[in-house]
PDB file of N, CA and C in Angstrom:
ATOM      1  N   MET A   1     147.025  64.360  42.150  1.00  0.00           N
ATOM      2  CA  MET A   1     148.366  63.894  42.436  1.00  0.00           C
ATOM      3  C   MET A   1     148.961  64.765  43.549  1.00  0.00           C
ATOM      4  N   ARG A   2     149.485  64.123  44.579  1.00  0.00           N
ATOM      5  CA  ARG A   2     150.109  64.865  45.680  1.00  0.00           C
ATOM      6  C   ARG A   2     151.458  65.421  45.245  1.00  0.00           C
ATOM      7  N   ARG A   3     151.835  66.541  45.833  1.00  0.00           N
ATOM      8  CA  ARG A   3     153.131  67.172  45.553  1.00  0.00           C
ATOM      9  C   ARG A   3     153.878  67.350  46.863  1.00  0.00           C
ATOM     10  N   PHE A   4     155.185  67.438  46.778  1.00  0.00           N
ATOM     11  CA  PHE A   4     156.007  67.691  47.958  1.00  0.00           C
ATOM     12  C   PHE A   4     155.811  69.122  48.426  1.00  0.00           C
ATOM     13  N   GLU A   5     155.950  69.332  49.727  1.00  0.00           N
ATOM     14  CA  GLU A   5     155.911  70.675  50.292  1.00  0.00           C
ATOM     15  C   GLU A   5     157.108  71.467  49.758  1.00  0.00           C
ATOM     16  N   LYS A   6     156.937  72.780  49.665  1.00  0.00           N
ATOM     17  CA  LYS A   6     157.993  73.644  49.127  1.00  0.00           C
ATOM     18  C   LYS A   6     159.304  73.484  49.887  1.00  0.00           C
ATOM     19  N   GLU A   7     159.225  73.339  51.214  1.00  0.00           N
ATOM     20  CA  GLU A   7     160.442  73.221  52.028  1.00  0.00           C
ATOM     21  C   GLU A   7     161.207  71.938  51.698  1.00  0.00           C
ATOM     22  N   ILE A   8     160.476  70.856  51.481  1.00  0.00           N
ATOM     23  CA  ILE A   8     161.135  69.593  51.144  1.00  0.00           C
ATOM     24  C   ILE A   8     161.739  69.669  49.750  1.00  0.00           C
ATOM     25  N   LEU A   9     161.003  70.263  48.804  1.00  0.00           N
ATOM     26  CA  LEU A   9     161.555  70.437  47.452  1.00  0.00           C
ATOM     27  C   LEU A   9     162.841  71.243  47.494  1.00  0.00           C
ATOM     28  N   ALA A  10     162.849  72.304  48.264  1.00  0.00           N
ATOM     29  CA  ALA A  10     164.047  73.139  48.373  1.00  0.00           C
ATOM     30  C   ALA A  10     165.206  72.351  48.984  1.00  0.00           C
ATOM     31  N   ALA A  11     164.921  71.555  50.002  1.00  0.00           N
ATOM     32  CA  ALA A  11     165.972  70.748  50.639  1.00  0.00           C
ATOM     33  C   ALA A  11     166.516  69.709  49.659  1.00  0.00           C
ATOM     34  N   ILE A  12     165.644  69.079  48.890  1.00  0.00           N
ATOM     35  CA  ILE A  12     166.086  68.106  47.884  1.00  0.00           C
ATOM     36  C   ILE A  12     166.941  68.799  46.834  1.00  0.00           C
ATOM     37  N   ASP A  13     166.519  69.952  46.399  1.00  0.00           N
ATOM     38  CA  ASP A  13     167.247  70.691  45.374  1.00  0.00           C
ATOM     39  C   ASP A  13     168.644  71.098  45.857  1.00  0.00           C
ATOM     40  N   ARG A  14     168.745  71.484  47.116  1.00  0.00           N
ATOM     41  CA  ARG A  14     170.042  71.909  47.682  1.00  0.00           C
ATOM     42  C   ARG A  14     170.973  70.735  47.964  1.00  0.00           C
ATOM     43  N   SER A  15     170.397  69.595  48.255  1.00  0.00           N
ATOM     44  CA  SER A  15     171.184  68.441  48.674  1.00  0.00           C
ATOM     45  C   SER A  15     171.838  67.749  47.475  1.00  0.00           C
ATOM     46  N   PRO A  16     173.099  67.337  47.609  1.00  0.00           N
ATOM     47  CA  PRO A  16     173.734  66.615  46.500  1.00  0.00           C
ATOM     48  C   PRO A  16     173.172  65.205  46.325  1.00  0.00           C
ATOM     49  N   TYR A  17     172.474  64.702  47.327  1.00  0.00           N
ATOM     50  CA  TYR A  17     171.909  63.358  47.246  1.00  0.00           C
ATOM     51  C   TYR A  17     170.817  63.203  48.291  1.00  0.00           C
ATOM     52  N   ILE A  18     170.056  62.107  48.155  1.00  0.00           N
ATOM     53  CA  ILE A  18     169.096  61.708  49.175  1.00  0.00           C
ATOM     54  C   ILE A  18     169.364  60.244  49.503  1.00  0.00           C
ATOM     55  N   PHE A  19     168.785  59.775  50.564  1.00  0.00           N
ATOM     56  CA  PHE A  19     168.830  58.355  50.906  1.00  0.00           C
ATOM     57  C   PHE A  19     167.486  57.747  50.541  1.00  0.00           C
ATOM     58  N   ILE A  20     167.513  56.483  50.122  1.00  0.00           N
ATOM     59  CA  ILE A  20     166.274  55.791  49.814  1.00  0.00           C
ATOM     60  C   ILE A  20     166.324  54.375  50.385  1.00  0.00           C
ATOM     61  N   LYS A  21     165.191  53.960  50.916  1.00  0.00           N
ATOM     62  CA  LYS A  21     164.973  52.569  51.321  1.00  0.00           C
ATOM     63  C   LYS A  21     163.782  52.100  50.500  1.00  0.00           C
ATOM     64  N   ALA A  22     164.076  51.298  49.481  1.00  0.00           N
ATOM     65  CA  ALA A  22     163.048  50.868  48.543  1.00  0.00           C
ATOM     66  C   ALA A  22     162.477  49.514  48.947  1.00  0.00           C
ATOM     67  N   GLY A  23     161.164  49.381  48.801  1.00  0.00           N
ATOM     68  CA  GLY A  23     160.516  48.106  49.074  1.00  0.00           C
ATOM     69  C   GLY A  23     160.327  47.845  50.555  1.00  0.00           C
ATOM     70  N   SER A  24     159.842  46.653  50.866  1.00  0.00           N
ATOM     71  CA  SER A  24     159.494  46.317  52.247  1.00  0.00           C
ATOM     72  C   SER A  24     160.554  45.495  52.967  1.00  0.00           C
ATOM     73  N   ARG A  25     161.512  44.946  52.242  1.00  0.00           N
ATOM     74  CA  ARG A  25     162.561  44.157  52.895  1.00  0.00           C
ATOM     75  C   ARG A  25     163.544  45.080  53.603  1.00  0.00           C
ATOM     76  N   PRO A  26     164.002  44.697  54.786  1.00  0.00           N
ATOM     77  CA  PRO A  26     164.953  45.547  55.509  1.00  0.00           C
ATOM     78  C   PRO A  26     166.298  45.635  54.773  1.00  0.00           C
ATOM     79  N   HIS A  27     166.835  46.830  54.720  1.00  0.00           N
ATOM     80  CA  HIS A  27     168.166  47.057  54.148  1.00  0.00           C
ATOM     81  C   HIS A  27     168.646  48.434  54.572  1.00  0.00           C
ATOM     82  N   ARG A  28     169.895  48.676  54.369  1.00  0.00           N
ATOM     83  CA  ARG A  28     170.446  49.986  54.718  1.00  0.00           C
ATOM     84  C   ARG A  28     169.977  51.017  53.686  1.00  0.00           C
ATOM     85  N   PRO A  29     169.900  52.283  54.085  1.00  0.00           N
ATOM     86  CA  PRO A  29     169.539  53.325  53.116  1.00  0.00           C
ATOM     87  C   PRO A  29     170.622  53.438  52.034  1.00  0.00           C
ATOM     88  N   ILE A  30     170.206  53.670  50.812  1.00  0.00           N
ATOM     89  CA  ILE A  30     171.097  53.797  49.663  1.00  0.00           C
ATOM     90  C   ILE A  30     171.169  55.274  49.271  1.00  0.00           C
ATOM     91  N   VAL A  31     172.354  55.752  48.962  1.00  0.00           N
ATOM     92  CA  VAL A  31     172.535  57.127  48.499  1.00  0.00           C
ATOM     93  C   VAL A  31     172.222  57.180  47.001  1.00  0.00           C
ATOM     94  N   ILE A  32     171.355  58.115  46.609  1.00  0.00           N
ATOM     95  CA  ILE A  32     171.061  58.302  45.183  1.00  0.00           C
ATOM     96  C   ILE A  32     171.048  59.790  44.846  1.00  0.00           C
ATOM     97  N   TRP A  33     171.284  60.076  43.578  1.00  0.00           N
ATOM     98  CA  TRP A  33     171.189  61.433  43.070  1.00  0.00           C
ATOM     99  C   TRP A  33     169.749  61.710  42.667  1.00  0.00           C
ATOM    100  N   VAL A  34     169.348  62.938  42.830  1.00  0.00           N
ATOM    101  CA  VAL A  34     167.958  63.314  42.596  1.00  0.00           C
ATOM    102  C   VAL A  34     167.915  64.709  41.985  1.00  0.00           C
ATOM    103  N   VAL A  35     166.935  64.944  41.121  1.00  0.00           N
ATOM    104  CA  VAL A  35     166.754  66.271  40.524  1.00  0.00           C
ATOM    105  C   VAL A  35     165.290  66.694  40.627  1.00  0.00           C
ATOM    106  N   ILE A  36     165.116  67.996  40.547  1.00  0.00           N
ATOM    107  CA  ILE A  36     163.785  68.606  40.544  1.00  0.00           C
ATOM    108  C   ILE A  36     163.547  69.181  39.149  1.00  0.00           C
ATOM    109  N   VAL A  37     162.415  68.828  38.551  1.00  0.00           N
ATOM    110  CA  VAL A  37     162.009  69.374  37.258  1.00  0.00           C
ATOM    111  C   VAL A  37     160.529  69.706  37.370  1.00  0.00           C
ATOM    112  N   GLU A  38     160.198  70.944  37.069  1.00  0.00           N
ATOM    113  CA  GLU A  38     158.805  71.400  37.131  1.00  0.00           C
ATOM    114  C   GLU A  38     158.180  71.107  38.490  1.00  0.00           C
ATOM    115  N   ARG A  39     158.946  71.361  39.555  1.00  0.00           N
ATOM    116  CA  ARG A  39     158.515  71.165  40.943  1.00  0.00           C
ATOM    117  C   ARG A  39     158.179  69.708  41.234  1.00  0.00           C
ATOM    118  N   ARG A  40     158.765  68.790  40.476  1.00  0.00           N
ATOM    119  CA  ARG A  40     158.552  67.355  40.650  1.00  0.00           C
ATOM    120  C   ARG A  40     159.904  66.690  40.901  1.00  0.00           C
ATOM    121  N   VAL A  41     159.905  65.588  41.624  1.00  0.00           N
ATOM    122  CA  VAL A  41     161.132  64.906  42.053  1.00  0.00           C
ATOM    123  C   VAL A  41     161.363  63.676  41.180  1.00  0.00           C
ATOM    124  N   PHE A  42     162.573  63.604  40.582  1.00  0.00           N
ATOM    125  CA  PHE A  42     162.902  62.494  39.692  1.00  0.00           C
ATOM    126  C   PHE A  42     164.217  61.846  40.085  1.00  0.00           C
ATOM    127  N   VAL A  43     164.270  60.535  39.862  1.00  0.00           N
ATOM    128  CA  VAL A  43     165.480  59.757  40.130  1.00  0.00           C
ATOM    129  C   VAL A  43     165.728  58.813  38.958  1.00  0.00           C
ATOM    130  N   ARG A  44     167.008  58.458  38.807  1.00  0.00           N
ATOM    131  CA  ARG A  44     167.425  57.495  37.793  1.00  0.00           C
ATOM    132  C   ARG A  44     168.482  56.600  38.400  1.00  0.00           C
ATOM    133  N   SER A  45     168.609  55.434  37.818  1.00  0.00           N
ATOM    134  CA  SER A  45     169.618  54.497  38.299  1.00  0.00           C
ATOM    135  C   SER A  45     170.841  54.524  37.390  1.00  0.00           C
ATOM    136  N   TRP A  46     171.999  54.516  37.995  1.00  0.00           N
ATOM    137  CA  TRP A  46     173.255  54.425  37.258  1.00  0.00           C
ATOM    138  C   TRP A  46     173.694  52.963  37.207  1.00  0.00           C
ATOM    139  N   SER A  47     173.323  52.213  38.243  1.00  0.00           N
ATOM    140  CA  SER A  47     173.679  50.796  38.336  1.00  0.00           C
ATOM    141  C   SER A  47     172.495  49.952  37.878  1.00  0.00           C
ATOM    142  N   PHE A  48     172.793  48.814  37.277  1.00  0.00           N
ATOM    143  CA  PHE A  48     171.726  47.960  36.769  1.00  0.00           C
ATOM    144  C   PHE A  48     171.781  46.566  37.396  1.00  0.00           C
ATOM    145  N   LYS A  49     172.282  46.513  38.610  1.00  0.00           N
ATOM    146  CA  LYS A  49     172.382  45.234  39.307  1.00  0.00           C
ATOM    147  C   LYS A  49     170.988  44.686  39.601  1.00  0.00           C
ATOM    148  N   ALA A  50     170.914  43.366  39.707  1.00  0.00           N
ATOM    149  CA  ALA A  50     169.625  42.696  39.920  1.00  0.00           C
ATOM    150  C   ALA A  50     168.930  43.143  41.203  1.00  0.00           C
ATOM    151  N   ARG A  51     169.702  43.496  42.234  1.00  0.00           N
ATOM    152  CA  ARG A  51     169.092  43.894  43.507  1.00  0.00           C
ATOM    153  C   ARG A  51     169.172  45.407  43.742  1.00  0.00           C
ATOM    154  N   SER A  52     169.238  46.188  42.686  1.00  0.00           N
ATOM    155  CA  SER A  52     169.335  47.643  42.840  1.00  0.00           C
ATOM    156  C   SER A  52     168.029  48.229  43.375  1.00  0.00           C
ATOM    157  N   TRP A  53     168.116  49.406  43.960  1.00  0.00           N
ATOM    158  CA  TRP A  53     166.935  50.088  44.489  1.00  0.00           C
ATOM    159  C   TRP A  53     165.911  50.297  43.380  1.00  0.00           C
ATOM    160  N   ASN A  54     166.387  50.585  42.159  1.00  0.00           N
ATOM    161  CA  ASN A  54     165.479  50.856  41.052  1.00  0.00           C
ATOM    162  C   ASN A  54     164.690  49.617  40.666  1.00  0.00           C
ATOM    163  N   ARG A  55     165.341  48.486  40.642  1.00  0.00           N
ATOM    164  CA  ARG A  55     164.639  47.241  40.301  1.00  0.00           C
ATOM    165  C   ARG A  55     163.631  46.869  41.381  1.00  0.00           C
ATOM    166  N   VAL A  56     163.972  47.149  42.629  1.00  0.00           N
ATOM    167  CA  VAL A  56     163.021  46.903  43.715  1.00  0.00           C
ATOM    168  C   VAL A  56     161.788  47.776  43.512  1.00  0.00           C
ATOM    169  N   LEU A  57     162.003  49.058  43.182  1.00  0.00           N
ATOM    170  CA  LEU A  57     160.870  49.963  42.983  1.00  0.00           C
ATOM    171  C   LEU A  57     160.005  49.563  41.797  1.00  0.00           C
ATOM    172  N   GLN A  58     160.585  48.931  40.796  1.00  0.00           N
ATOM    173  CA  GLN A  58     159.790  48.481  39.653  1.00  0.00           C
ATOM    174  C   GLN A  58     158.774  47.422  40.082  1.00  0.00           C
ATOM    175  N   LYS A  59     159.151  46.604  41.060  1.00  0.00           N
ATOM    176  CA  LYS A  59     158.260  45.535  41.525  1.00  0.00           C
ATOM    177  C   LYS A  59     157.393  45.969  42.697  1.00  0.00           C
ATOM    178  N   GLU A  60     157.951  46.830  43.524  1.00  0.00           N
ATOM    179  CA  GLU A  60     157.290  47.260  44.760  1.00  0.00           C
ATOM    180  C   GLU A  60     157.503  48.768  44.891  1.00  0.00           C
ATOM    181  N   PRO A  61     156.574  49.590  44.406  1.00  0.00           N
ATOM    182  CA  PRO A  61     156.825  51.019  44.219  1.00  0.00           C
ATOM    183  C   PRO A  61     156.849  51.900  45.474  1.00  0.00           C
ATOM    184  N   LEU A  62     156.798  51.319  46.651  1.00  0.00           N
ATOM    185  CA  LEU A  62     156.816  52.135  47.868  1.00  0.00           C
ATOM    186  C   LEU A  62     158.222  52.213  48.436  1.00  0.00           C
ATOM    187  N   ALA A  63     158.543  53.388  48.990  1.00  0.00           N
ATOM    188  CA  ALA A  63     159.875  53.610  49.548  1.00  0.00           C
ATOM    189  C   ALA A  63     159.808  54.702  50.607  1.00  0.00           C
ATOM    190  N   VAL A  64     160.922  54.867  51.291  1.00  0.00           N
ATOM    191  CA  VAL A  64     161.107  55.991  52.210  1.00  0.00           C
ATOM    192  C   VAL A  64     162.363  56.709  51.758  1.00  0.00           C
ATOM    193  N   ILE A  65     162.250  58.035  51.596  1.00  0.00           N
ATOM    194  CA  ILE A  65     163.434  58.823  51.282  1.00  0.00           C
ATOM    195  C   ILE A  65     163.780  59.681  52.487  1.00  0.00           C
ATOM    196  N   GLN A  66     165.043  60.043  52.572  1.00  0.00           N
ATOM    197  CA  GLN A  66     165.497  60.911  53.647  1.00  0.00           C
ATOM    198  C   GLN A  66     166.337  62.026  53.048  1.00  0.00           C
ATOM    199  N   VAL A  67     165.971  63.250  53.416  1.00  0.00           N
ATOM    200  CA  VAL A  67     166.690  64.446  53.003  1.00  0.00           C
ATOM    201  C   VAL A  67     167.087  65.149  54.283  1.00  0.00           C
ATOM    202  N   GLY A  68     168.380  65.206  54.562  1.00  0.00           N
ATOM    203  CA  GLY A  68     168.802  65.727  55.857  1.00  0.00           C
ATOM    204  C   GLY A  68     168.234  64.816  56.932  1.00  0.00           C
ATOM    205  N   LYS A  69     167.494  65.394  57.870  1.00  0.00           N
ATOM    206  CA  LYS A  69     166.888  64.593  58.938  1.00  0.00           C
ATOM    207  C   LYS A  69     165.420  64.263  58.672  1.00  0.00           C
ATOM    208  N   ARG A  70     164.878  64.790  57.577  1.00  0.00           N
ATOM    209  CA  ARG A  70     163.468  64.560  57.254  1.00  0.00           C
ATOM    210  C   ARG A  70     163.292  63.295  56.439  1.00  0.00           C
ATOM    211  N   LYS A  71     162.325  62.488  56.850  1.00  0.00           N
ATOM    212  CA  LYS A  71     161.976  61.276  56.113  1.00  0.00           C
ATOM    213  C   LYS A  71     160.589  61.438  55.518  1.00  0.00           C
ATOM    214  N   CYS A  72     160.427  60.920  54.305  1.00  0.00           N
ATOM    215  CA  CYS A  72     159.135  60.992  53.619  1.00  0.00           C
ATOM    216  C   CYS A  72     158.843  59.634  52.987  1.00  0.00           C
ATOM    217  N   ARG A  73     157.623  59.173  53.176  1.00  0.00           N
ATOM    218  CA  ARG A  73     157.179  57.980  52.454  1.00  0.00           C
ATOM    219  C   ARG A  73     156.790  58.409  51.050  1.00  0.00           C
ATOM    220  N   VAL A  74     157.186  57.602  50.053  1.00  0.00           N
ATOM    221  CA  VAL A  74     156.914  57.952  48.659  1.00  0.00           C
ATOM    222  C   VAL A  74     156.432  56.734  47.884  1.00  0.00           C
ATOM    223  N   ARG A  75     155.839  57.040  46.763  1.00  0.00           N
ATOM    224  CA  ARG A  75     155.465  56.040  45.766  1.00  0.00           C
ATOM    225  C   ARG A  75     156.173  56.424  44.482  1.00  0.00           C
ATOM    226  N   SER A  76     156.741  55.455  43.804  1.00  0.00           N
ATOM    227  CA  SER A  76     157.442  55.740  42.551  1.00  0.00           C
ATOM    228  C   SER A  76     156.525  55.452  41.366  1.00  0.00           C
ATOM    229  N   VAL A  77     156.676  56.278  40.342  1.00  0.00           N
ATOM    230  CA  VAL A  77     155.908  56.123  39.114  1.00  0.00           C
ATOM    231  C   VAL A  77     156.891  56.258  37.948  1.00  0.00           C
ATOM    232  N   ARG A  78     156.884  55.275  37.069  1.00  0.00           N
ATOM    233  CA  ARG A  78     157.776  55.292  35.908  1.00  0.00           C
ATOM    234  C   ARG A  78     157.429  56.491  35.021  1.00  0.00           C
ATOM    235  N   THR A  79     158.459  57.162  34.538  1.00  0.00           N
ATOM    236  CA  THR A  79     158.278  58.332  33.675  1.00  0.00           C
ATOM    237  C   THR A  79     158.461  57.906  32.223  1.00  0.00           C
ATOM    238  N   ARG A  80     157.453  58.164  31.402  1.00  0.00           N
ATOM    239  CA  ARG A  80     157.523  57.777  29.995  1.00  0.00           C
ATOM    240  C   ARG A  80     157.701  58.968  29.052  1.00  0.00           C
ATOM    241  N   SER A  81     157.393  60.155  29.522  1.00  0.00           N
ATOM    242  CA  SER A  81     157.415  61.357  28.693  1.00  0.00           C
ATOM    243  C   SER A  81     158.841  61.680  28.204  1.00  0.00           C
ATOM    244  N   ILE A  82     158.994  61.715  26.885  1.00  0.00           N
ATOM    245  CA  ILE A  82     160.289  62.083  26.290  1.00  0.00           C
ATOM    246  C   ILE A  82     160.638  63.526  26.650  1.00  0.00           C
ATOM    247  N   ARG A  83     159.639  64.408  26.627  1.00  0.00           N
ATOM    248  CA  ARG A  83     159.870  65.816  26.979  1.00  0.00           C
ATOM    249  C   ARG A  83     160.433  65.927  28.383  1.00  0.00           C
ATOM    250  N   LEU A  84     159.821  65.233  29.343  1.00  0.00           N
ATOM    251  CA  LEU A  84     160.316  65.267  30.720  1.00  0.00           C
ATOM    252  C   LEU A  84     161.704  64.643  30.826  1.00  0.00           C
ATOM    253  N   LYS A  85     161.908  63.526  30.152  1.00  0.00           N
ATOM    254  CA  LYS A  85     163.223  62.879  30.209  1.00  0.00           C
ATOM    255  C   LYS A  85     164.321  63.802  29.687  1.00  0.00           C
ATOM    256  N   ASN A  86     164.028  64.574  28.635  1.00  0.00           N
ATOM    257  CA  ASN A  86     165.013  65.535  28.121  1.00  0.00           C
ATOM    258  C   ASN A  86     165.314  66.620  29.152  1.00  0.00           C
ATOM    259  N   LEU A  87     164.276  67.102  29.829  1.00  0.00           N
ATOM    260  CA  LEU A  87     164.475  68.106  30.882  1.00  0.00           C
ATOM    261  C   LEU A  87     165.258  67.508  32.052  1.00  0.00           C
ATOM    262  N   ILE A  88     164.987  66.260  32.372  1.00  0.00           N
ATOM    263  CA  ILE A  88     165.692  65.580  33.466  1.00  0.00           C
ATOM    264  C   ILE A  88     167.160  65.388  33.109  1.00  0.00           C
ATOM    265  N   ASP A  89     167.455  65.047  31.843  1.00  0.00           N
ATOM    266  CA  ASP A  89     168.857  64.960  31.388  1.00  0.00           C
ATOM    267  C   ASP A  89     169.592  66.260  31.707  1.00  0.00           C
ATOM    268  N   ARG A  90     168.989  67.365  31.315  1.00  0.00           N
ATOM    269  CA  ARG A  90     169.619  68.674  31.533  1.00  0.00           C
ATOM    270  C   ARG A  90     169.761  68.988  33.022  1.00  0.00           C
ATOM    271  N   ALA A  91     168.750  68.611  33.803  1.00  0.00           N
ATOM    272  CA  ALA A  91     168.801  68.866  35.246  1.00  0.00           C
ATOM    273  C   ALA A  91     169.952  68.093  35.899  1.00  0.00           C
ATOM    274  N   TYR A  92     170.157  66.839  35.482  1.00  0.00           N
ATOM    275  CA  TYR A  92     171.282  66.062  36.022  1.00  0.00           C
ATOM    276  C   TYR A  92     172.611  66.699  35.642  1.00  0.00           C
ATOM    277  N   LEU A  93     172.746  67.140  34.399  1.00  0.00           N
ATOM    278  CA  LEU A  93     174.002  67.779  33.976  1.00  0.00           C
ATOM    279  C   LEU A  93     174.235  69.094  34.712  1.00  0.00           C
ATOM    280  N   LYS A  94     173.173  69.839  34.933  1.00  0.00           N
ATOM    281  CA  LYS A  94     173.318  71.115  35.646  1.00  0.00           C
ATOM    282  C   LYS A  94     173.724  70.886  37.100  1.00  0.00           C
ATOM    283  N   LYS A  95     173.091  69.928  37.754  1.00  0.00           N
ATOM    284  CA  LYS A  95     173.350  69.704  39.180  1.00  0.00           C
ATOM    285  C   LYS A  95     174.649  68.937  39.423  1.00  0.00           C
ATOM    286  N   TYR A  96     174.968  67.975  38.564  1.00  0.00           N
ATOM    287  CA  TYR A  96     176.094  67.074  38.823  1.00  0.00           C
ATOM    288  C   TYR A  96     177.187  67.124  37.759  1.00  0.00           C
ATOM    289  N   GLY A  97     177.107  68.029  36.806  1.00  0.00           N
ATOM    290  CA  GLY A  97     178.042  68.054  35.681  1.00  0.00           C
ATOM    291  C   GLY A  97     179.345  68.787  35.929  1.00  0.00           C
ATOM    292  N   LYS A  98     179.895  68.651  37.127  1.00  0.00           N
ATOM    293  CA  LYS A  98     181.157  69.328  37.456  1.00  0.00           C
ATOM    294  C   LYS A  98     182.131  68.341  38.077  1.00  0.00           C
ATOM    295  N   GLY A  99     183.405  68.572  37.832  1.00  0.00           N
ATOM    296  CA  GLY A  99     184.441  67.768  38.476  1.00  0.00           C
ATOM    297  C   GLY A  99     184.307  66.286  38.174  1.00  0.00           C
ATOM    298  N   GLY A 100     184.550  65.476  39.202  1.00  0.00           N
ATOM    299  CA  GLY A 100     184.527  64.033  39.058  1.00  0.00           C
ATOM    300  C   GLY A 100     183.143  63.448  38.835  1.00  0.00           C
ATOM    301  N   MET A 101     182.102  64.259  39.021  1.00  0.00           N
ATOM    302  CA  MET A 101     180.730  63.763  38.868  1.00  0.00           C
ATOM    303  C   MET A 101     180.244  63.810  37.422  1.00  0.00           C
ATOM    304  N   VAL A 102     180.938  64.555  36.567  1.00  0.00           N
ATOM    305  CA  VAL A 102     180.445  64.787  35.207  1.00  0.00           C
ATOM    306  C   VAL A 102     180.269  63.486  34.424  1.00  0.00           C
ATOM    307  N   ARG A 103     181.171  62.553  34.589  1.00  0.00           N
ATOM    308  CA  ARG A 103     181.061  61.280  33.866  1.00  0.00           C
ATOM    309  C   ARG A 103     179.759  60.558  34.218  1.00  0.00           C
ATOM    310  N   PHE A 104     179.448  60.544  35.506  1.00  0.00           N
ATOM    311  CA  PHE A 104     178.231  59.872  35.966  1.00  0.00           C
ATOM    312  C   PHE A 104     176.982  60.637  35.514  1.00  0.00           C
ATOM    313  N   ALA A 105     177.051  61.960  35.545  1.00  0.00           N
ATOM    314  CA  ALA A 105     175.921  62.779  35.094  1.00  0.00           C
ATOM    315  C   ALA A 105     175.632  62.522  33.615  1.00  0.00           C
ATOM    316  N   LYS A 106     176.687  62.405  32.820  1.00  0.00           N
ATOM    317  CA  LYS A 106     176.495  62.094  31.395  1.00  0.00           C
ATOM    318  C   LYS A 106     175.913  60.691  31.226  1.00  0.00           C
ATOM    319  N   ASP A 107     176.418  59.738  32.005  1.00  0.00           N
ATOM    320  CA  ASP A 107     175.888  58.372  31.934  1.00  0.00           C
ATOM    321  C   ASP A 107     174.400  58.329  32.261  1.00  0.00           C
ATOM    322  N   LEU A 108     173.952  59.171  33.188  1.00  0.00           N
ATOM    323  CA  LEU A 108     172.532  59.193  33.562  1.00  0.00           C
ATOM    324  C   LEU A 108     171.647  59.703  32.424  1.00  0.00           C
ATOM    325  N   GLY A 109     172.255  60.300  31.405  1.00  0.00           N
ATOM    326  CA  GLY A 109     171.507  60.758  30.233  1.00  0.00           C
ATOM    327  C   GLY A 109     171.506  59.766  29.086  1.00  0.00           C
ATOM    328  N   ARG A 110     172.175  58.644  29.262  1.00  0.00           N
ATOM    329  CA  ARG A 110     172.213  57.617  28.217  1.00  0.00           C
ATOM    330  C   ARG A 110     170.931  56.776  28.250  1.00  0.00           C
ATOM    331  N   PRO A 111     170.599  56.132  27.120  1.00  0.00           N
ATOM    332  CA  PRO A 111     169.318  55.411  27.019  1.00  0.00           C
ATOM    333  C   PRO A 111     169.033  54.418  28.145  1.00  0.00           C
ATOM    334  N   LYS A 112     170.026  53.661  28.569  1.00  0.00           N
ATOM    335  CA  LYS A 112     169.784  52.650  29.594  1.00  0.00           C
ATOM    336  C   LYS A 112     169.347  53.302  30.919  1.00  0.00           C
ATOM    337  N   SER A 113     170.001  54.383  31.308  1.00  0.00           N
ATOM    338  CA  SER A 113     169.612  55.083  32.536  1.00  0.00           C
ATOM    339  C   SER A 113     168.306  55.846  32.353  1.00  0.00           C
ATOM    340  N   ARG A 114     168.131  56.458  31.189  1.00  0.00           N
ATOM    341  CA  ARG A 114     166.873  57.184  30.928  1.00  0.00           C
ATOM    342  C   ARG A 114     165.667  56.262  31.092  1.00  0.00           C
ATOM    343  N   ALA A 115     165.843  54.996  30.724  1.00  0.00           N
ATOM    344  CA  ALA A 115     164.739  54.031  30.823  1.00  0.00           C
ATOM    345  C   ALA A 115     164.355  53.744  32.273  1.00  0.00           C
ATOM    346  N   THR A 116     165.213  54.092  33.228  1.00  0.00           N
ATOM    347  CA  THR A 116     164.917  53.841  34.650  1.00  0.00           C
ATOM    348  C   THR A 116     164.290  55.042  35.329  1.00  0.00           C
ATOM    349  N   THR A 117     164.016  56.121  34.602  1.00  0.00           N
ATOM    350  CA  THR A 117     163.523  57.356  35.204  1.00  0.00           C
ATOM    351  C   THR A 117     162.208  57.133  35.941  1.00  0.00           C
ATOM    352  N   MET A 118     162.194  57.584  37.200  1.00  0.00           N
ATOM    353  CA  MET A 118     160.988  57.492  38.012  1.00  0.00           C
ATOM    354  C   MET A 118     160.730  58.822  38.722  1.00  0.00           C
ATOM    355  N   GLU A 119     159.455  59.112  38.857  1.00  0.00           N
ATOM    356  CA  GLU A 119     159.051  60.250  39.677  1.00  0.00           C
ATOM    357  C   GLU A 119     158.707  59.711  41.053  1.00  0.00           C
ATOM    358  N   LEU A 120     159.109  60.456  42.076  1.00  0.00           N
ATOM    359  CA  LEU A 120     158.759  60.110  43.451  1.00  0.00           C
ATOM    360  C   LEU A 120     157.623  61.020  43.900  1.00  0.00           C
ATOM    361  N   LEU A 121     156.555  60.414  44.370  1.00  0.00           N
ATOM    362  CA  LEU A 121     155.388  61.165  44.821  1.00  0.00           C
ATOM    363  C   LEU A 121     155.211  60.937  46.317  1.00  0.00           C
ATOM    364  N   PRO A 122     154.980  62.002  47.082  1.00  0.00           N
ATOM    365  CA  PRO A 122     154.819  61.830  48.523  1.00  0.00           C
ATOM    366  C   PRO A 122     153.520  61.121  48.877  1.00  0.00           C
ATOM    367  N   LEU A 123     153.592  60.313  49.901  1.00  0.00           N
ATOM    368  CA  LEU A 123     152.394  59.661  50.440  1.00  0.00           C
ATOM    369  C   LEU A 123     151.942  60.409  51.686  1.00  0.00           C
ATOM    370  N   PRO A 124     150.679  60.301  52.047  1.00  0.00           N
ATOM    371  CA  PRO A 124     150.214  60.948  53.278  1.00  0.00           C
ATOM    372  C   PRO A 124     150.999  60.445  54.479  1.00  0.00           C
ATOM    373  N   LYS A 125     151.144  61.321  55.467  1.00  0.00           N
ATOM    374  CA  LYS A 125     151.905  60.957  56.684  1.00  0.00           C
ATOM    375  C   LYS A 125     151.186  59.941  57.507  1.00  0.00           C
TER     376      LYS A 125
END
């Protein structure tokens, strides 16, 4: 399994969000929250709309993410591990559990959002 370079992981960890373009259809980049757990990159959906980035990734797992000015092609993999999901819950609360973001961070730990948990894996350049 490929892993992100240390510099990209650090940039993702420092950044309050990343941009994602999911699937092959053209669309504008979407802002999403992201966390690092065990040197791995995880995302969850807060919205459950039919055309959400998460639903696109469920059908077509390829995407491009952007952190700062760096773009990376990725493949998404659904996360089933309860242990990892619990760690991801805590990571979201730690990173986003302040001020006006706390409500959304808590929502990302609820069952419906937990079910959307995906790991992003880098693809070769």
